[in-house]
Amino acid sequence: ACCQGPIFGVNTLFGRFSDRFELHVCSDSAEFFWDVLMDAG
């Protein structure tokens, strides 16, 4: 299943799979988004 919503103000398309989430965002936000996830993890 999929849904949309923000991560730190970045509109994100979420897809849930058996072993992962796939996250899709505008490429302009890519490096910021990567850093947010790495810090959270």
Full PDB file with SEQRES, HELIX, SHEET, SSBOND, CRYST1, ORIGX, SCALE, CONECT and MASTER records, all heavy atoms in Angstrom:
SEQRES   1 A   41  ALA CYS CYS GLN GLY PRO ILE PHE GLY VAL ASN THR LEU          
SEQRES   2 A   41  PHE GLY ARG PHE SER ASP ARG PHE GLU LEU HIS VAL CYS          
SEQRES   3 A   41  SER ASP SER ALA GLU PHE PHE TRP ASP VAL LEU MET ASP          
SEQRES   4 A   41  ALA GLY                                                      
HELIX    1 AA1 SER A   27  SER A   29  5                                   3    
HELIX    2 AA2 ALA A   30  ALA A   40  1                                  11    
SHEET    1 AA1 3 CYS A   2  ILE A   7  0                                        
SHEET    2 AA1 3 VAL A  10  ARG A  16 -1                                        
SHEET    3 AA1 3 PHE A  21  HIS A  24 -1                                        
CRYST1    1.000    1.000    1.000  90.00  90.00  90.00 P 1           1          
ORIGX1      1.000000  0.000000  0.000000        0.00000                         
ORIGX2      0.000000  1.000000  0.000000        0.00000                         
ORIGX3      0.000000  0.000000  1.000000        0.00000                         
SCALE1      1.000000  0.000000  0.000000        0.00000                         
SCALE2      0.000000  1.000000  0.000000        0.00000                         
SCALE3      0.000000  0.000000  1.000000        0.00000                         
ATOM      1  N   ALA A   1       0.850  -1.187   0.000  1.00  0.00           N  
ATOM      2  CA  ALA A   1       0.000   0.000   0.000  1.00  0.00           C  
ATOM      3  C   ALA A   1       0.885   1.236   0.000  1.00  0.00           C  
ATOM      4  O   ALA A   1       2.068   1.195   0.353  1.00  0.00           O  
ATOM      5  CB  ALA A   1      -0.927   0.006   1.206  1.00  0.00           C  
ATOM      6  N   CYS A   2       0.288   2.372  -0.398  1.00  0.00           N  
ATOM      7  CA  CYS A   2       1.051   3.614  -0.465  1.00  0.00           C  
ATOM      8  C   CYS A   2       0.225   4.760   0.103  1.00  0.00           C  
ATOM      9  O   CYS A   2      -1.005   4.683   0.215  1.00  0.00           O  
ATOM     10  CB  CYS A   2       1.466   3.926  -1.898  1.00  0.00           C  
ATOM     11  SG  CYS A   2       0.094   4.114  -3.064  1.00  0.00           S  
ATOM     12  N   CYS A   3       0.907   5.831   0.477  1.00  0.00           N  
ATOM     13  CA  CYS A   3       0.260   7.047   0.958  1.00  0.00           C  
ATOM     14  C   CYS A   3       1.230   8.205   0.777  1.00  0.00           C  
ATOM     15  O   CYS A   3       2.403   8.007   0.440  1.00  0.00           O  
ATOM     16  CB  CYS A   3      -0.167   6.917   2.417  1.00  0.00           C  
ATOM     17  SG  CYS A   3       1.204   6.844   3.600  1.00  0.00           S  
ATOM     18  N   GLN A   4       0.754   9.413   1.006  1.00  0.00           N  
ATOM     19  CA  GLN A   4       1.590  10.595   0.909  1.00  0.00           C  
ATOM     20  C   GLN A   4       1.508  11.407   2.187  1.00  0.00           C  
ATOM     21  O   GLN A   4       0.477  11.423   2.867  1.00  0.00           O  
ATOM     22  CB  GLN A   4       1.169  11.462  -0.283  1.00  0.00           C  
ATOM     23  CG  GLN A   4       1.472  10.837  -1.631  1.00  0.00           C  
ATOM     24  CD  GLN A   4       1.038  11.707  -2.790  1.00  0.00           C  
ATOM     25  OE1 GLN A   4      -0.121  11.731  -3.166  1.00  0.00           O  
ATOM     26  NE2 GLN A   4       1.987  12.443  -3.350  1.00  0.00           N  
ATOM     27  N   GLY A   5       2.605  12.088   2.517  1.00  0.00           N  
ATOM     28  CA  GLY A   5       2.648  12.936   3.697  1.00  0.00           C  
ATOM     29  C   GLY A   5       4.036  13.534   3.848  1.00  0.00           C  
ATOM     30  O   GLY A   5       4.963  13.174   3.114  1.00  0.00           O  
ATOM     31  N   PRO A   6       4.212  14.447   4.812  1.00  0.00           N  
ATOM     32  CA  PRO A   6       5.483  15.150   4.945  1.00  0.00           C  
ATOM     33  C   PRO A   6       6.484  14.441   5.856  1.00  0.00           C  
ATOM     34  O   PRO A   6       6.123  13.784   6.824  1.00  0.00           O  
ATOM     35  CB  PRO A   6       5.063  16.489   5.565  1.00  0.00           C  
ATOM     36  CG  PRO A   6       3.866  16.135   6.403  1.00  0.00           C  
ATOM     37  CD  PRO A   6       3.155  15.027   5.671  1.00  0.00           C  
ATOM     38  N   ILE A   7       7.750  14.573   5.510  1.00  0.00           N  
ATOM     39  CA  ILE A   7       8.866  14.275   6.405  1.00  0.00           C  
ATOM     40  C   ILE A   7       9.700  15.547   6.497  1.00  0.00           C  
ATOM     41  O   ILE A   7      10.291  15.974   5.500  1.00  0.00           O  
ATOM     42  CB  ILE A   7       9.724  13.110   5.886  1.00  0.00           C  
ATOM     43  CG1 ILE A   7       8.973  11.781   6.008  1.00  0.00           C  
ATOM     44  CG2 ILE A   7      11.047  13.029   6.656  1.00  0.00           C  
ATOM     45  CD1 ILE A   7       9.771  10.573   5.559  1.00  0.00           C  
ATOM     46  N   PHE A   8       9.681  16.183   7.661  1.00  0.00           N  
ATOM     47  CA  PHE A   8      10.394  17.447   7.862  1.00  0.00           C  
ATOM     48  C   PHE A   8      10.068  18.450   6.751  1.00  0.00           C  
ATOM     49  O   PHE A   8      10.946  19.115   6.213  1.00  0.00           O  
ATOM     50  CB  PHE A   8      11.897  17.214   7.949  1.00  0.00           C  
ATOM     51  CG  PHE A   8      12.394  16.990   9.357  1.00  0.00           C  
ATOM     52  CD1 PHE A   8      11.966  15.885  10.097  1.00  0.00           C  
ATOM     53  CD2 PHE A   8      13.271  17.865   9.957  1.00  0.00           C  
ATOM     54  CE1 PHE A   8      12.419  15.675  11.388  1.00  0.00           C  
ATOM     55  CE2 PHE A   8      13.720  17.670  11.259  1.00  0.00           C  
ATOM     56  CZ  PHE A   8      13.289  16.569  11.978  1.00  0.00           C  
ATOM     57  N   GLY A   9       8.789  18.545   6.402  1.00  0.00           N  
ATOM     58  CA  GLY A   9       8.351  19.504   5.404  1.00  0.00           C  
ATOM     59  C   GLY A   9       8.515  19.061   3.963  1.00  0.00           C  
ATOM     60  O   GLY A   9       8.114  19.790   3.053  1.00  0.00           O  
ATOM     61  N   VAL A  10       9.082  17.890   3.736  1.00  0.00           N  
ATOM     62  CA  VAL A  10       9.282  17.389   2.375  1.00  0.00           C  
ATOM     63  C   VAL A  10       8.138  16.432   2.035  1.00  0.00           C  
ATOM     64  O   VAL A  10       7.965  15.400   2.700  1.00  0.00           O  
ATOM     65  CB  VAL A  10      10.627  16.652   2.237  1.00  0.00           C  
ATOM     66  CG1 VAL A  10      10.787  16.093   0.829  1.00  0.00           C  
ATOM     67  CG2 VAL A  10      11.789  17.592   2.568  1.00  0.00           C  
ATOM     68  N   ASN A  11       7.345  16.775   1.016  1.00  0.00           N  
ATOM     69  CA  ASN A  11       6.253  15.894   0.615  1.00  0.00           C  
ATOM     70  C   ASN A  11       6.830  14.563   0.139  1.00  0.00           C  
ATOM     71  O   ASN A  11       7.697  14.523  -0.739  1.00  0.00           O  
ATOM     72  CB  ASN A  11       5.430  16.540  -0.491  1.00  0.00           C  
ATOM     73  CG  ASN A  11       4.186  15.736  -0.815  1.00  0.00           C  
ATOM     74  OD1 ASN A  11       3.525  15.215   0.086  1.00  0.00           O  
ATOM     75  ND2 ASN A  11       3.868  15.614  -2.089  1.00  0.00           N  
ATOM     76  N   THR A  12       6.334  13.480   0.714  1.00  0.00           N  
ATOM     77  CA  THR A  12       6.916  12.154   0.513  1.00  0.00           C  
ATOM     78  C   THR A  12       5.849  11.168   0.088  1.00  0.00           C  
ATOM     79  O   THR A  12       4.755  11.142   0.658  1.00  0.00           O  
ATOM     80  CB  THR A  12       7.577  11.661   1.816  1.00  0.00           C  
ATOM     81  OG1 THR A  12       8.524  12.638   2.272  1.00  0.00           O  
ATOM     82  CG2 THR A  12       8.281  10.323   1.607  1.00  0.00           C  
ATOM     83  N   LEU A  13       6.176  10.361  -0.899  1.00  0.00           N  
ATOM     84  CA  LEU A  13       5.340   9.227  -1.278  1.00  0.00           C  
ATOM     85  C   LEU A  13       5.923   7.990  -0.603  1.00  0.00           C  
ATOM     86  O   LEU A  13       7.074   7.627  -0.843  1.00  0.00           O  
ATOM     87  CB  LEU A  13       5.329   9.068  -2.800  1.00  0.00           C  
ATOM     88  CG  LEU A  13       4.624   7.835  -3.369  1.00  0.00           C  
ATOM     89  CD1 LEU A  13       3.163   7.783  -2.948  1.00  0.00           C  
ATOM     90  CD2 LEU A  13       4.753   7.807  -4.892  1.00  0.00           C  
ATOM     91  N   PHE A  14       5.114   7.363   0.262  1.00  0.00           N  
ATOM     92  CA  PHE A  14       5.533   6.173   1.004  1.00  0.00           C  
ATOM     93  C   PHE A  14       4.983   4.920   0.324  1.00  0.00           C  
ATOM     94  O   PHE A  14       3.801   4.865  -0.020  1.00  0.00           O  
ATOM     95  CB  PHE A  14       4.975   6.184   2.429  1.00  0.00           C  
ATOM     96  CG  PHE A  14       5.409   7.321   3.300  1.00  0.00           C  
ATOM     97  CD1 PHE A  14       4.785   8.566   3.218  1.00  0.00           C  
ATOM     98  CD2 PHE A  14       6.421   7.156   4.236  1.00  0.00           C  
ATOM     99  CE1 PHE A  14       5.155   9.612   4.047  1.00  0.00           C  
ATOM    100  CE2 PHE A  14       6.804   8.203   5.071  1.00  0.00           C  
ATOM    101  CZ  PHE A  14       6.172   9.431   4.968  1.00  0.00           C  
ATOM    102  N   GLY A  15       5.818   3.915   0.180  1.00  0.00           N  
ATOM    103  CA  GLY A  15       5.360   2.598  -0.254  1.00  0.00           C  
ATOM    104  C   GLY A  15       5.836   1.561   0.743  1.00  0.00           C  
ATOM    105  O   GLY A  15       7.020   1.544   1.107  1.00  0.00           O  
ATOM    106  N   ARG A  16       4.915   0.729   1.223  1.00  0.00           N  
ATOM    107  CA  ARG A  16       5.304  -0.283   2.204  1.00  0.00           C  
ATOM    108  C   ARG A  16       5.406  -1.644   1.524  1.00  0.00           C  
ATOM    109  O   ARG A  16       4.507  -2.072   0.798  1.00  0.00           O  
ATOM    110  CB  ARG A  16       4.288  -0.367   3.341  1.00  0.00           C  
ATOM    111  CG  ARG A  16       4.758  -1.298   4.457  1.00  0.00           C  
ATOM    112  CD  ARG A  16       3.756  -1.425   5.583  1.00  0.00           C  
ATOM    113  NE  ARG A  16       4.410  -2.026   6.732  1.00  0.00           N  
ATOM    114  CZ  ARG A  16       4.434  -1.521   7.956  1.00  0.00           C  
ATOM    115  NH1 ARG A  16       3.824  -0.370   8.200  1.00  0.00           N  
ATOM    116  NH2 ARG A  16       5.060  -2.125   8.932  1.00  0.00           N  
ATOM    117  N   PHE A  17       6.539  -2.322   1.803  1.00  0.00           N  
ATOM    118  CA  PHE A  17       6.775  -3.663   1.291  1.00  0.00           C  
ATOM    119  C   PHE A  17       7.095  -4.584   2.471  1.00  0.00           C  
ATOM    120  O   PHE A  17       7.167  -4.137   3.609  1.00  0.00           O  
ATOM    121  CB  PHE A  17       7.899  -3.637   0.258  1.00  0.00           C  
ATOM    122  CG  PHE A  17       7.565  -2.789  -0.944  1.00  0.00           C  
ATOM    123  CD1 PHE A  17       7.847  -1.426  -0.950  1.00  0.00           C  
ATOM    124  CD2 PHE A  17       6.944  -3.337  -2.048  1.00  0.00           C  
ATOM    125  CE1 PHE A  17       7.522  -0.633  -2.037  1.00  0.00           C  
ATOM    126  CE2 PHE A  17       6.611  -2.554  -3.144  1.00  0.00           C  
ATOM    127  CZ  PHE A  17       6.897  -1.205  -3.140  1.00  0.00           C  
ATOM    128  N   SER A  18       7.308  -5.838   2.207  1.00  0.00           N  
ATOM    129  CA  SER A  18       7.449  -6.804   3.301  1.00  0.00           C  
ATOM    130  C   SER A  18       8.658  -6.541   4.178  1.00  0.00           C  
ATOM    131  O   SER A  18       8.630  -6.833   5.378  1.00  0.00           O  
ATOM    132  CB  SER A  18       7.508  -8.226   2.734  1.00  0.00           C  
ATOM    133  OG  SER A  18       8.629  -8.367   1.866  1.00  0.00           O  
ATOM    134  N   ASP A  19       9.720  -5.992   3.605  1.00  0.00           N  
ATOM    135  CA  ASP A  19      10.957  -5.825   4.362  1.00  0.00           C  
ATOM    136  C   ASP A  19      11.472  -4.392   4.351  1.00  0.00           C  
ATOM    137  O   ASP A  19      12.600  -4.145   4.767  1.00  0.00           O  
ATOM    138  CB  ASP A  19      12.044  -6.739   3.785  1.00  0.00           C  
ATOM    139  CG  ASP A  19      12.483  -6.293   2.388  1.00  0.00           C  
ATOM    140  OD1 ASP A  19      11.634  -5.726   1.669  1.00  0.00           O  
ATOM    141  OD2 ASP A  19      13.655  -6.494   2.033  1.00  0.00           O  
ATOM    142  N   ARG A  20      10.661  -3.460   3.864  1.00  0.00           N  
ATOM    143  CA  ARG A  20      11.175  -2.107   3.669  1.00  0.00           C  
ATOM    144  C   ARG A  20      10.051  -1.109   3.474  1.00  0.00           C  
ATOM    145  O   ARG A  20       8.904  -1.476   3.231  1.00  0.00           O  
ATOM    146  CB  ARG A  20      12.026  -2.060   2.402  1.00  0.00           C  
ATOM    147  CG  ARG A  20      11.131  -2.056   1.145  1.00  0.00           C  
ATOM    148  CD  ARG A  20      11.876  -2.175  -0.128  1.00  0.00           C  
ATOM    149  NE  ARG A  20      12.502  -3.469  -0.195  1.00  0.00           N  
ATOM    150  CZ  ARG A  20      13.594  -3.725  -0.888  1.00  0.00           C  
ATOM    151  NH1 ARG A  20      14.160  -2.774  -1.586  1.00  0.00           N  
ATOM    152  NH2 ARG A  20      14.124  -4.915  -0.905  1.00  0.00           N  
ATOM    153  N   PHE A  21      10.461   0.172   3.540  1.00  0.00           N  
ATOM    154  CA  PHE A  21       9.663   1.252   2.993  1.00  0.00           C  
ATOM    155  C   PHE A  21      10.436   1.829   1.814  1.00  0.00           C  
ATOM    156  O   PHE A  21      11.660   1.968   1.883  1.00  0.00           O  
ATOM    157  CB  PHE A  21       9.434   2.358   4.023  1.00  0.00           C  
ATOM    158  CG  PHE A  21       8.432   2.015   5.079  1.00  0.00           C  
ATOM    159  CD1 PHE A  21       8.817   1.329   6.221  1.00  0.00           C  
ATOM    160  CD2 PHE A  21       7.093   2.377   4.946  1.00  0.00           C  
ATOM    161  CE1 PHE A  21       7.901   1.018   7.214  1.00  0.00           C  
ATOM    162  CE2 PHE A  21       6.171   2.059   5.918  1.00  0.00           C  
ATOM    163  CZ  PHE A  21       6.575   1.378   7.061  1.00  0.00           C  
ATOM    164  N   GLU A  22       9.745   2.138   0.741  1.00  0.00           N  
ATOM    165  CA  GLU A  22      10.353   2.915  -0.322  1.00  0.00           C  
ATOM    166  C   GLU A  22       9.778   4.324  -0.254  1.00  0.00           C  
ATOM    167  O   GLU A  22       8.567   4.511  -0.076  1.00  0.00           O  
ATOM    168  CB  GLU A  22      10.140   2.255  -1.678  1.00  0.00           C  
ATOM    169  CG  GLU A  22      10.917   0.947  -1.764  1.00  0.00           C  
ATOM    170  CD  GLU A  22      11.075   0.400  -3.173  1.00  0.00           C  
ATOM    171  OE1 GLU A  22      10.575   1.034  -4.127  1.00  0.00           O  
ATOM    172  OE2 GLU A  22      11.709  -0.665  -3.312  1.00  0.00           O  
ATOM    173  N   LEU A  23      10.655   5.308  -0.352  1.00  0.00           N  
ATOM    174  CA  LEU A  23      10.329   6.709  -0.129  1.00  0.00           C  
ATOM    175  C   LEU A  23      10.711   7.490  -1.365  1.00  0.00           C  
ATOM    176  O   LEU A  23      11.840   7.386  -1.855  1.00  0.00           O  
ATOM    177  CB  LEU A  23      11.081   7.240   1.094  1.00  0.00           C  
ATOM    178  CG  LEU A  23      10.977   6.360   2.355  1.00  0.00           C  
ATOM    179  CD1 LEU A  23      12.020   6.778   3.383  1.00  0.00           C  
ATOM    180  CD2 LEU A  23       9.577   6.433   2.953  1.00  0.00           C  
ATOM    181  N   HIS A  24       9.789   8.294  -1.861  1.00  0.00           N  
ATOM    182  CA  HIS A  24       9.993   9.005  -3.118  1.00  0.00           C  
ATOM    183  C   HIS A  24       9.734  10.496  -2.888  1.00  0.00           C  
ATOM    184  O   HIS A  24       8.656  10.871  -2.394  1.00  0.00           O  
ATOM    185  CB  HIS A  24       9.062   8.458  -4.192  1.00  0.00           C  
ATOM    186  CG  HIS A  24       9.052   6.960  -4.276  1.00  0.00           C  
ATOM    187  ND1 HIS A  24      10.021   6.248  -4.944  1.00  0.00           N  
ATOM    188  CD2 HIS A  24       8.203   6.043  -3.745  1.00  0.00           C  
ATOM    189  CE1 HIS A  24       9.760   4.950  -4.839  1.00  0.00           C  
ATOM    190  NE2 HIS A  24       8.664   4.807  -4.116  1.00  0.00           N  
ATOM    191  N   VAL A  25      10.707  11.328  -3.243  1.00  0.00           N  
ATOM    192  CA  VAL A  25      10.599  12.770  -3.024  1.00  0.00           C  
ATOM    193  C   VAL A  25      11.116  13.521  -4.247  1.00  0.00           C  
ATOM    194  O   VAL A  25      11.797  12.948  -5.107  1.00  0.00           O  
ATOM    195  CB  VAL A  25      11.394  13.211  -1.773  1.00  0.00           C  
ATOM    196  CG1 VAL A  25      10.866  12.544  -0.522  1.00  0.00           C  
ATOM    197  CG2 VAL A  25      12.891  12.939  -1.935  1.00  0.00           C  
ATOM    198  N   CYS A  26      10.828  14.812  -4.294  1.00  0.00           N  
ATOM    199  CA  CYS A  26      11.372  15.674  -5.337  1.00  0.00           C  
ATOM    200  C   CYS A  26      12.896  15.697  -5.219  1.00  0.00           C  
ATOM    201  O   CYS A  26      13.454  15.802  -4.119  1.00  0.00           O  
ATOM    202  CB  CYS A  26      10.795  17.071  -5.193  1.00  0.00           C  
ATOM    203  SG  CYS A  26      11.479  18.282  -6.341  1.00  0.00           S  
ATOM    204  N   SER A  27      13.577  15.610  -6.347  1.00  0.00           N  
ATOM    205  CA  SER A  27      15.041  15.518  -6.324  1.00  0.00           C  
ATOM    206  C   SER A  27      15.706  16.749  -5.719  1.00  0.00           C  
ATOM    207  O   SER A  27      16.829  16.663  -5.215  1.00  0.00           O  
ATOM    208  CB  SER A  27      15.565  15.286  -7.746  1.00  0.00           C  
ATOM    209  OG  SER A  27      15.248  13.974  -8.171  1.00  0.00           O  
ATOM    210  N   ASP A  28      15.033  17.883  -5.739  1.00  0.00           N  
ATOM    211  CA  ASP A  28      15.610  19.095  -5.134  1.00  0.00           C  
ATOM    212  C   ASP A  28      15.855  18.914  -3.638  1.00  0.00           C  
ATOM    213  O   ASP A  28      16.695  19.608  -3.060  1.00  0.00           O  
ATOM    214  CB  ASP A  28      14.680  20.295  -5.352  1.00  0.00           C  
ATOM    215  CG  ASP A  28      14.627  20.731  -6.807  1.00  0.00           C  
ATOM    216  OD1 ASP A  28      15.493  20.287  -7.584  1.00  0.00           O  
ATOM    217  OD2 ASP A  28      13.719  21.510  -7.160  1.00  0.00           O  
ATOM    218  N   SER A  29      15.110  18.021  -3.007  1.00  0.00           N  
ATOM    219  CA  SER A  29      15.221  17.826  -1.549  1.00  0.00           C  
ATOM    220  C   SER A  29      16.048  16.598  -1.184  1.00  0.00           C  
ATOM    221  O   SER A  29      16.115  16.226  -0.016  1.00  0.00           O  
ATOM    222  CB  SER A  29      13.814  17.668  -0.941  1.00  0.00           C  
ATOM    223  OG  SER A  29      12.991  18.770  -1.245  1.00  0.00           O  
ATOM    224  N   ALA A  30      16.685  15.969  -2.157  1.00  0.00           N  
ATOM    225  CA  ALA A  30      17.272  14.650  -1.958  1.00  0.00           C  
ATOM    226  C   ALA A  30      18.325  14.605  -0.856  1.00  0.00           C  
ATOM    227  O   ALA A  30      18.267  13.745   0.036  1.00  0.00           O  
ATOM    228  CB  ALA A  30      17.868  14.146  -3.273  1.00  0.00           C  
ATOM    229  N   GLU A  31      19.307  15.511  -0.897  1.00  0.00           N  
ATOM    230  CA  GLU A  31      20.402  15.416   0.077  1.00  0.00           C  
ATOM    231  C   GLU A  31      19.921  15.737   1.484  1.00  0.00           C  
ATOM    232  O   GLU A  31      20.305  15.075   2.450  1.00  0.00           O  
ATOM    233  CB  GLU A  31      21.565  16.328  -0.333  1.00  0.00           C  
ATOM    234  CG  GLU A  31      22.817  16.064   0.492  1.00  0.00           C  
ATOM    235  CD  GLU A  31      24.100  16.546  -0.173  1.00  0.00           C  
ATOM    236  OE1 GLU A  31      24.085  16.795  -1.404  1.00  0.00           O  
ATOM    237  OE2 GLU A  31      25.108  16.656   0.542  1.00  0.00           O  
ATOM    238  N   PHE A  32      19.066  16.753   1.608  1.00  0.00           N  
ATOM    239  CA  PHE A  32      18.478  17.058   2.916  1.00  0.00           C  
ATOM    240  C   PHE A  32      17.706  15.856   3.447  1.00  0.00           C  
ATOM    241  O   PHE A  32      17.830  15.479   4.617  1.00  0.00           O  
ATOM    242  CB  PHE A  32      17.551  18.276   2.799  1.00  0.00           C  
ATOM    243  CG  PHE A  32      16.689  18.519   4.005  1.00  0.00           C  
ATOM    244  CD1 PHE A  32      17.219  19.084   5.146  1.00  0.00           C  
ATOM    245  CD2 PHE A  32      15.339  18.165   3.995  1.00  0.00           C  
ATOM    246  CE1 PHE A  32      16.423  19.301   6.271  1.00  0.00           C  
ATOM    247  CE2 PHE A  32      14.543  18.378   5.105  1.00  0.00           C  
ATOM    248  CZ  PHE A  32      15.080  18.950   6.245  1.00  0.00           C  
ATOM    249  N   PHE A  33      16.920  15.243   2.587  1.00  0.00           N  
ATOM    250  CA  PHE A  33      16.093  14.100   2.972  1.00  0.00           C  
ATOM    251  C   PHE A  33      16.963  12.928   3.416  1.00  0.00           C  
ATOM    252  O   PHE A  33      16.686  12.269   4.428  1.00  0.00           O  
ATOM    253  CB  PHE A  33      15.228  13.711   1.768  1.00  0.00           C  
ATOM    254  CG  PHE A  33      14.123  12.745   2.071  1.00  0.00           C  
ATOM    255  CD1 PHE A  33      12.979  13.158   2.717  1.00  0.00           C  
ATOM    256  CD2 PHE A  33      14.227  11.411   1.681  1.00  0.00           C  
ATOM    257  CE1 PHE A  33      11.934  12.269   2.983  1.00  0.00           C  
ATOM    258  CE2 PHE A  33      13.192  10.519   1.945  1.00  0.00           C  
ATOM    259  CZ  PHE A  33      12.056  10.948   2.588  1.00  0.00           C  
ATOM    260  N   TRP A  34      18.024  12.648   2.673  1.00  0.00           N  
ATOM    261  CA  TRP A  34      18.971  11.577   3.033  1.00  0.00           C  
ATOM    262  C   TRP A  34      19.558  11.844   4.423  1.00  0.00           C  
ATOM    263  O   TRP A  34      19.603  10.936   5.271  1.00  0.00           O  
ATOM    264  CB  TRP A  34      20.069  11.503   1.987  1.00  0.00           C  
ATOM    265  CG  TRP A  34      21.159  10.502   2.246  1.00  0.00           C  
ATOM    266  CD1 TRP A  34      22.247  10.668   3.048  1.00  0.00           C  
ATOM    267  CD2 TRP A  34      21.256   9.169   1.706  1.00  0.00           C  
ATOM    268  NE1 TRP A  34      23.027   9.536   3.034  1.00  0.00           N  
ATOM    269  CE2 TRP A  34      22.447   8.599   2.224  1.00  0.00           C  
ATOM    270  CE3 TRP A  34      20.475   8.420   0.826  1.00  0.00           C  
ATOM    271  CZ2 TRP A  34      22.862   7.320   1.898  1.00  0.00           C  
ATOM    272  CZ3 TRP A  34      20.901   7.134   0.500  1.00  0.00           C  
ATOM    273  CH2 TRP A  34      22.064   6.588   1.026  1.00  0.00           C  
ATOM    274  N   ASP A  35      20.002  13.072   4.672  1.00  0.00           N  
ATOM    275  CA  ASP A  35      20.611  13.397   5.960  1.00  0.00           C  
ATOM    276  C   ASP A  35      19.616  13.251   7.107  1.00  0.00           C  
ATOM    277  O   ASP A  35      19.973  12.774   8.197  1.00  0.00           O  
ATOM    278  CB  ASP A  35      21.166  14.822   5.928  1.00  0.00           C  
ATOM    279  CG  ASP A  35      22.400  14.952   5.053  1.00  0.00           C  
ATOM    280  OD1 ASP A  35      23.040  13.930   4.756  1.00  0.00           O  
ATOM    281  OD2 ASP A  35      22.722  16.102   4.662  1.00  0.00           O  
ATOM    282  N   VAL A  36      18.367  13.659   6.894  1.00  0.00           N  
ATOM    283  CA  VAL A  36      17.335  13.516   7.918  1.00  0.00           C  
ATOM    284  C   VAL A  36      17.152  12.055   8.300  1.00  0.00           C  
ATOM    285  O   VAL A  36      17.098  11.702   9.487  1.00  0.00           O  
ATOM    286  CB  VAL A  36      15.988  14.120   7.433  1.00  0.00           C  
ATOM    287  CG1 VAL A  36      14.829  13.661   8.316  1.00  0.00           C  
ATOM    288  CG2 VAL A  36      16.060  15.639   7.419  1.00  0.00           C  
ATOM    289  N   LEU A  37      17.083  11.186   7.310  1.00  0.00           N  
ATOM    290  CA  LEU A  37      16.890   9.767   7.585  1.00  0.00           C  
ATOM    291  C   LEU A  37      18.109   9.146   8.263  1.00  0.00           C  
ATOM    292  O   LEU A  37      17.964   8.348   9.206  1.00  0.00           O  
ATOM    293  CB  LEU A  37      16.583   9.018   6.284  1.00  0.00           C  
ATOM    294  CG  LEU A  37      15.236   9.347   5.630  1.00  0.00           C  
ATOM    295  CD1 LEU A  37      15.125   8.653   4.275  1.00  0.00           C  
ATOM    296  CD2 LEU A  37      14.071   8.949   6.524  1.00  0.00           C  
ATOM    297  N   MET A  38      19.305   9.513   7.805  1.00  0.00           N  
ATOM    298  CA  MET A  38      20.503   8.964   8.431  1.00  0.00           C  
ATOM    299  C   MET A  38      20.614   9.406   9.892  1.00  0.00           C  
ATOM    300  O   MET A  38      20.985   8.604  10.769  1.00  0.00           O  
ATOM    301  CB  MET A  38      21.750   9.375   7.645  1.00  0.00           C  
ATOM    302  CG  MET A  38      21.886   8.719   6.270  1.00  0.00           C  
ATOM    303  SD  MET A  38      21.925   6.905   6.316  1.00  0.00           S  
ATOM    304  CE  MET A  38      23.369   6.625   7.356  1.00  0.00           C  
ATOM    305  N   ASP A  39      20.292  10.656  10.170  1.00  0.00           N  
ATOM    306  CA  ASP A  39      20.325  11.139  11.557  1.00  0.00           C  
ATOM    307  C   ASP A  39      19.296  10.406  12.411  1.00  0.00           C  
ATOM    308  O   ASP A  39      19.587   9.994  13.543  1.00  0.00           O  
ATOM    309  CB  ASP A  39      20.054  12.646  11.597  1.00  0.00           C  
ATOM    310  CG  ASP A  39      21.218  13.470  11.078  1.00  0.00           C  
ATOM    311  OD1 ASP A  39      22.327  12.916  10.940  1.00  0.00           O  
ATOM    312  OD2 ASP A  39      21.014  14.675  10.799  1.00  0.00           O  
ATOM    313  N   ALA A  40      18.085  10.234  11.875  1.00  0.00           N  
ATOM    314  CA  ALA A  40      17.035   9.554  12.630  1.00  0.00           C  
ATOM    315  C   ALA A  40      17.392   8.095  12.884  1.00  0.00           C  
ATOM    316  O   ALA A  40      17.020   7.522  13.912  1.00  0.00           O  
ATOM    317  CB  ALA A  40      15.710   9.647  11.873  1.00  0.00           C  
ATOM    318  N   GLY A  41      18.113   7.481  11.960  1.00  0.00           N  
ATOM    319  CA  GLY A  41      18.435   6.069  12.087  1.00  0.00           C  
ATOM    320  C   GLY A  41      19.707   5.761  12.842  1.00  0.00           C  
ATOM    321  O   GLY A  41      20.031   4.584  13.049  1.00  0.00           O  
TER     322      GLY A  41                                                      
MASTER        0    0    0    2    3    0    0    6  321    1    0    4          
END                                                                             
